[in-house]
Amino acid sequence: MIFSFGNILGVLIFLALGMLGLAFFKRFVYPLLSAKYEKAKATATQGKDPARLTRIVYLVSLLFLPALGFLLGGLALNW
């Protein structure tokens, strides 16, 4: 693998996609999960903490997607 402009561009594109996904999750999905979790805590039927899912989303969107962009960007954008 060669470090090139395609790799950098791939990282930036996939990082932007990851940030958009993270913003969507934090704006629309997490508040619903958190409200449901807090409501269920009163009856002790809460199940898994939504913070676990949030950590997974952060990991995927800020680490795995840019790494995938680095690998795929070098392959797809080197003309």
C-alpha atoms as a PDB file:
ATOM      1  CA  MET A   1       0.000   0.000   0.000  1.00  0.00           C
ATOM      2  CA  ILE A   2       1.270   3.439  -0.927  1.00  0.00           C
ATOM      3  CA  PHE A   3       0.462   6.558   1.047  1.00  0.00           C
ATOM      4  CA  SER A   4      -1.088   8.928  -1.472  1.00  0.00           C
ATOM      5  CA  PHE A   5      -3.526  11.758  -2.015  1.00  0.00           C
ATOM      6  CA  GLY A   6      -6.264   9.169  -2.594  1.00  0.00           C
ATOM      7  CA  ASN A   7      -5.726   7.794   0.912  1.00  0.00           C
ATOM      8  CA  ILE A   8      -6.017  11.239   2.497  1.00  0.00           C
ATOM      9  CA  LEU A   9      -9.115  12.066   0.454  1.00  0.00           C
ATOM     10  CA  GLY A  10     -10.677   8.732   1.415  1.00  0.00           C
ATOM     11  CA  VAL A  11     -10.053   9.424   5.113  1.00  0.00           C
ATOM     12  CA  LEU A  12     -11.617  12.865   4.856  1.00  0.00           C
ATOM     13  CA  ILE A  13     -14.682  11.627   2.962  1.00  0.00           C
ATOM     14  CA  PHE A  14     -15.322   8.722   5.312  1.00  0.00           C
ATOM     15  CA  LEU A  15     -14.630  10.894   8.377  1.00  0.00           C
ATOM     16  CA  ALA A  16     -17.264  13.341   7.140  1.00  0.00           C
ATOM     17  CA  LEU A  17     -19.708  10.452   6.648  1.00  0.00           C
ATOM     18  CA  GLY A  18     -18.909   9.189  10.142  1.00  0.00           C
ATOM     19  CA  MET A  19     -19.481  12.625  11.643  1.00  0.00           C
ATOM     20  CA  LEU A  20     -22.828  12.918   9.860  1.00  0.00           C
ATOM     21  CA  GLY A  21     -23.857   9.508  11.141  1.00  0.00           C
ATOM     22  CA  LEU A  22     -22.757  10.405  14.656  1.00  0.00           C
ATOM     23  CA  ALA A  23     -24.667  13.695  14.550  1.00  0.00           C
ATOM     24  CA  PHE A  24     -27.788  11.863  13.338  1.00  0.00           C
ATOM     25  CA  PHE A  25     -27.435   9.314  16.135  1.00  0.00           C
ATOM     26  CA  LYS A  26     -26.923  11.933  18.837  1.00  0.00           C
ATOM     27  CA  ARG A  27     -29.772  14.114  17.565  1.00  0.00           C
ATOM     28  CA  PHE A  28     -32.490  11.571  16.817  1.00  0.00           C
ATOM     29  CA  VAL A  29     -31.674   8.109  18.184  1.00  0.00           C
ATOM     30  CA  TYR A  30     -29.927   8.635  21.537  1.00  0.00           C
ATOM     31  CA  PRO A  31     -32.607  10.874  23.118  1.00  0.00           C
ATOM     32  CA  LEU A  32     -35.246   8.229  22.431  1.00  0.00           C
ATOM     33  CA  LEU A  33     -33.085   5.437  23.831  1.00  0.00           C
ATOM     34  CA  SER A  34     -32.163   7.466  26.888  1.00  0.00           C
ATOM     35  CA  ALA A  35     -35.765   8.482  27.639  1.00  0.00           C
ATOM     36  CA  LYS A  36     -36.957   4.901  27.301  1.00  0.00           C
ATOM     37  CA  TYR A  37     -34.128   3.676  29.542  1.00  0.00           C
ATOM     38  CA  GLU A  38     -34.807   6.279  32.236  1.00  0.00           C
ATOM     39  CA  LYS A  39     -38.546   5.549  32.180  1.00  0.00           C
ATOM     40  CA  ALA A  40     -37.922   1.811  32.519  1.00  0.00           C
ATOM     41  CA  LYS A  41     -35.545   2.328  35.462  1.00  0.00           C
ATOM     42  CA  ALA A  42     -38.570   3.125  37.625  1.00  0.00           C
ATOM     43  CA  THR A  43     -39.866  -0.424  37.136  1.00  0.00           C
ATOM     44  CA  ALA A  44     -36.415  -2.079  37.126  1.00  0.00           C
ATOM     45  CA  THR A  45     -36.877  -3.400  33.569  1.00  0.00           C
ATOM     46  CA  GLN A  46     -34.333  -1.165  31.902  1.00  0.00           C
ATOM     47  CA  GLY A  47     -32.088  -3.750  30.247  1.00  0.00           C
ATOM     48  CA  LYS A  48     -28.886  -2.520  28.585  1.00  0.00           C
ATOM     49  CA  ASP A  49     -27.589   0.975  29.155  1.00  0.00           C
ATOM     50  CA  PRO A  50     -27.760   3.135  25.980  1.00  0.00           C
ATOM     51  CA  ALA A  51     -24.247   4.397  26.742  1.00  0.00           C
ATOM     52  CA  ARG A  52     -22.923   1.026  25.536  1.00  0.00           C
ATOM     53  CA  LEU A  53     -24.501   1.561  22.122  1.00  0.00           C
ATOM     54  CA  THR A  54     -23.196   5.118  22.071  1.00  0.00           C
ATOM     55  CA  ARG A  55     -19.624   3.900  22.605  1.00  0.00           C
ATOM     56  CA  ILE A  56     -20.001   1.483  19.712  1.00  0.00           C
ATOM     57  CA  VAL A  57     -21.345   4.235  17.435  1.00  0.00           C
ATOM     58  CA  TYR A  58     -18.443   6.511  18.385  1.00  0.00           C
ATOM     59  CA  LEU A  59     -15.943   3.742  17.718  1.00  0.00           C
ATOM     60  CA  VAL A  60     -17.395   2.914  14.311  1.00  0.00           C
ATOM     61  CA  SER A  61     -17.909   6.480  13.132  1.00  0.00           C
ATOM     62  CA  LEU A  62     -14.637   7.984  14.359  1.00  0.00           C
ATOM     63  CA  LEU A  63     -12.231   5.064  14.047  1.00  0.00           C
ATOM     64  CA  PHE A  64     -13.407   2.316  11.705  1.00  0.00           C
ATOM     65  CA  LEU A  65     -14.939   4.488   8.984  1.00  0.00           C
ATOM     66  CA  PRO A  66     -11.830   6.690   8.529  1.00  0.00           C
ATOM     67  CA  ALA A  67      -9.616   3.582   8.528  1.00  0.00           C
ATOM     68  CA  LEU A  68     -11.857   2.034   5.895  1.00  0.00           C
ATOM     69  CA  GLY A  69     -11.693   5.292   3.941  1.00  0.00           C
ATOM     70  CA  PHE A  70      -7.907   5.182   4.079  1.00  0.00           C
ATOM     71  CA  LEU A  71      -7.846   1.667   2.662  1.00  0.00           C
ATOM     72  CA  LEU A  72     -10.551   2.159   0.048  1.00  0.00           C
ATOM     73  CA  GLY A  73      -9.489   5.680  -0.900  1.00  0.00           C
ATOM     74  CA  GLY A  74      -6.103   4.468  -1.979  1.00  0.00           C
ATOM     75  CA  LEU A  75      -7.642   1.768  -4.130  1.00  0.00           C
ATOM     76  CA  ALA A  76     -10.510   3.756  -5.636  1.00  0.00           C
ATOM     77  CA  LEU A  77      -8.954   7.181  -6.120  1.00  0.00           C
ATOM     78  CA  ASN A  78      -5.565   6.288  -7.611  1.00  0.00           C
ATOM     79  CA  TRP A  79      -6.029   6.791 -11.307  1.00  0.00           C
END
